[in-house]
Amino acid sequence: MADLKAQTPTEVLDVLGRVCPYPLVLTKKALEKLPSGGIIKILCDAPASAEDSLPRFAESKGMPIEVVKSGDSWEIYIQKP
């Protein structure tokens, strides 16, 4: 698997301060606009989204994902197929 966090993201989505289901809903909308092969970097501080709903969504769609914990927040990288 490619090291997604080492690549320049196509888009950065800041959902800090948002709780479920908003990070997932906003991520889905952003991914719709992303070109194939594009990488979205999501800044998230909602544990349920970062550790459960976003990874589960990406894996169900066959999208590569990396989740990096940074203090009280996460950086989540998803690549659109």
C-alpha atoms as a PDB file:
ATOM      1  CA  MET A   1       0.000   0.000   0.000  1.00  0.00           C
ATOM      2  CA  ALA A   2       1.232   3.470  -0.838  1.00  0.00           C
ATOM      3  CA  ASP A   3       2.188   5.801   1.995  1.00  0.00           C
ATOM      4  CA  LEU A   4      -0.709   8.226   1.604  1.00  0.00           C
ATOM      5  CA  LYS A   5       0.447  10.680   4.265  1.00  0.00           C
ATOM      6  CA  ALA A   6       3.748  11.169   2.412  1.00  0.00           C
ATOM      7  CA  GLN A   7       1.909  12.421  -0.676  1.00  0.00           C
ATOM      8  CA  THR A   8       0.471  15.877  -1.237  1.00  0.00           C
ATOM      9  CA  PRO A   9      -3.293  15.725  -0.669  1.00  0.00           C
ATOM     10  CA  THR A  10      -5.615  16.899  -3.431  1.00  0.00           C
ATOM     11  CA  GLU A  11      -7.897  18.436  -0.815  1.00  0.00           C
ATOM     12  CA  VAL A  12      -7.850  19.115   2.930  1.00  0.00           C
ATOM     13  CA  LEU A  13     -11.139  18.811   4.801  1.00  0.00           C
ATOM     14  CA  ASP A  14     -11.269  20.358   8.276  1.00  0.00           C
ATOM     15  CA  VAL A  15     -14.030  18.821  10.388  1.00  0.00           C
ATOM     16  CA  LEU A  16     -12.518  19.787  13.744  1.00  0.00           C
ATOM     17  CA  GLY A  17     -15.256  20.444  16.282  1.00  0.00           C
ATOM     18  CA  ARG A  18     -17.811  18.422  14.308  1.00  0.00           C
ATOM     19  CA  VAL A  19     -19.299  15.227  15.735  1.00  0.00           C
ATOM     20  CA  CYS A  20     -20.914  12.216  14.063  1.00  0.00           C
ATOM     21  CA  PRO A  21     -22.388  12.066  11.526  1.00  0.00           C
ATOM     22  CA  TYR A  22     -21.004  15.321  10.076  1.00  0.00           C
ATOM     23  CA  PRO A  23     -17.382  14.219   9.448  1.00  0.00           C
ATOM     24  CA  LEU A  24     -18.623  11.227   7.434  1.00  0.00           C
ATOM     25  CA  VAL A  25     -21.267  13.216   5.538  1.00  0.00           C
ATOM     26  CA  LEU A  26     -18.795  15.993   4.647  1.00  0.00           C
ATOM     27  CA  THR A  27     -16.147  13.427   3.656  1.00  0.00           C
ATOM     28  CA  LYS A  28     -18.568  11.664   1.298  1.00  0.00           C
ATOM     29  CA  LYS A  29     -19.458  14.999  -0.356  1.00  0.00           C
ATOM     30  CA  ALA A  30     -15.788  15.957  -0.737  1.00  0.00           C
ATOM     31  CA  LEU A  31     -14.914  12.550  -2.212  1.00  0.00           C
ATOM     32  CA  GLU A  32     -17.630  12.948  -4.859  1.00  0.00           C
ATOM     33  CA  LYS A  33     -15.796  16.021  -6.201  1.00  0.00           C
ATOM     34  CA  LEU A  34     -12.320  14.484  -5.954  1.00  0.00           C
ATOM     35  CA  PRO A  35     -10.739  13.151  -9.162  1.00  0.00           C
ATOM     36  CA  SER A  36      -9.916   9.458  -9.400  1.00  0.00           C
ATOM     37  CA  GLY A  37      -6.616   8.802  -7.611  1.00  0.00           C
ATOM     38  CA  GLY A  38      -6.988  11.981  -5.554  1.00  0.00           C
ATOM     39  CA  ILE A  39      -6.177  12.000  -1.852  1.00  0.00           C
ATOM     40  CA  ILE A  40      -8.231  13.768   0.771  1.00  0.00           C
ATOM     41  CA  LYS A  41      -6.697  14.705   4.121  1.00  0.00           C
ATOM     42  CA  ILE A  42      -9.313  14.982   6.862  1.00  0.00           C
ATOM     43  CA  LEU A  43      -8.569  16.848  10.095  1.00  0.00           C
ATOM     44  CA  CYS A  44     -10.846  15.347  12.738  1.00  0.00           C
ATOM     45  CA  ASP A  45     -11.153  15.423  16.529  1.00  0.00           C
ATOM     46  CA  ALA A  46     -14.192  13.158  16.891  1.00  0.00           C
ATOM     47  CA  PRO A  47     -12.989   9.731  18.103  1.00  0.00           C
ATOM     48  CA  ALA A  48     -16.050   7.862  16.803  1.00  0.00           C
ATOM     49  CA  SER A  49     -15.513   9.256  13.303  1.00  0.00           C
ATOM     50  CA  ALA A  50     -11.733   8.860  13.207  1.00  0.00           C
ATOM     51  CA  GLU A  51     -11.593   5.384  14.700  1.00  0.00           C
ATOM     52  CA  ASP A  52     -14.821   3.855  13.417  1.00  0.00           C
ATOM     53  CA  SER A  53     -17.114   5.444  10.828  1.00  0.00           C
ATOM     54  CA  LEU A  54     -14.535   6.912   8.424  1.00  0.00           C
ATOM     55  CA  PRO A  55     -12.281   3.799   8.321  1.00  0.00           C
ATOM     56  CA  ARG A  56     -15.316   1.520   7.983  1.00  0.00           C
ATOM     57  CA  PHE A  57     -16.701   3.647   5.136  1.00  0.00           C
ATOM     58  CA  ALA A  58     -13.382   3.745   3.240  1.00  0.00           C
ATOM     59  CA  GLU A  59     -12.802   0.011   3.634  1.00  0.00           C
ATOM     60  CA  SER A  60     -16.347  -0.809   2.487  1.00  0.00           C
ATOM     61  CA  LYS A  61     -15.679   1.174  -0.709  1.00  0.00           C
ATOM     62  CA  GLY A  62     -12.223  -0.368  -1.243  1.00  0.00           C
ATOM     63  CA  MET A  63     -10.455   2.959  -0.697  1.00  0.00           C
ATOM     64  CA  PRO A  64      -6.960   3.002   0.802  1.00  0.00           C
ATOM     65  CA  ILE A  65      -6.962   4.799   4.153  1.00  0.00           C
ATOM     66  CA  GLU A  66      -4.393   5.858   6.730  1.00  0.00           C
ATOM     67  CA  VAL A  67      -5.312   7.197  10.163  1.00  0.00           C
ATOM     68  CA  VAL A  68      -2.656   9.132  12.095  1.00  0.00           C
ATOM     69  CA  LYS A  69      -3.301  10.186  15.712  1.00  0.00           C
ATOM     70  CA  SER A  70      -1.784  13.547  16.561  1.00  0.00           C
ATOM     71  CA  GLY A  71      -2.447  14.678  20.138  1.00  0.00           C
ATOM     72  CA  ASP A  72      -6.205  15.066  20.597  1.00  0.00           C
ATOM     73  CA  SER A  73      -6.988  14.875  16.893  1.00  0.00           C
ATOM     74  CA  TRP A  74      -6.426  12.707  13.844  1.00  0.00           C
ATOM     75  CA  GLU A  75      -5.234  13.146  10.296  1.00  0.00           C
ATOM     76  CA  ILE A  76      -7.074  10.761   8.033  1.00  0.00           C
ATOM     77  CA  TYR A  77      -5.929  10.146   4.477  1.00  0.00           C
ATOM     78  CA  ILE A  78      -8.274   8.506   1.973  1.00  0.00           C
ATOM     79  CA  GLN A  79      -7.479   7.885  -1.684  1.00  0.00           C
ATOM     80  CA  LYS A  80     -10.312   7.781  -4.191  1.00  0.00           C
ATOM     81  CA  PRO A  81     -10.013   4.810  -6.546  1.00  0.00           C
END
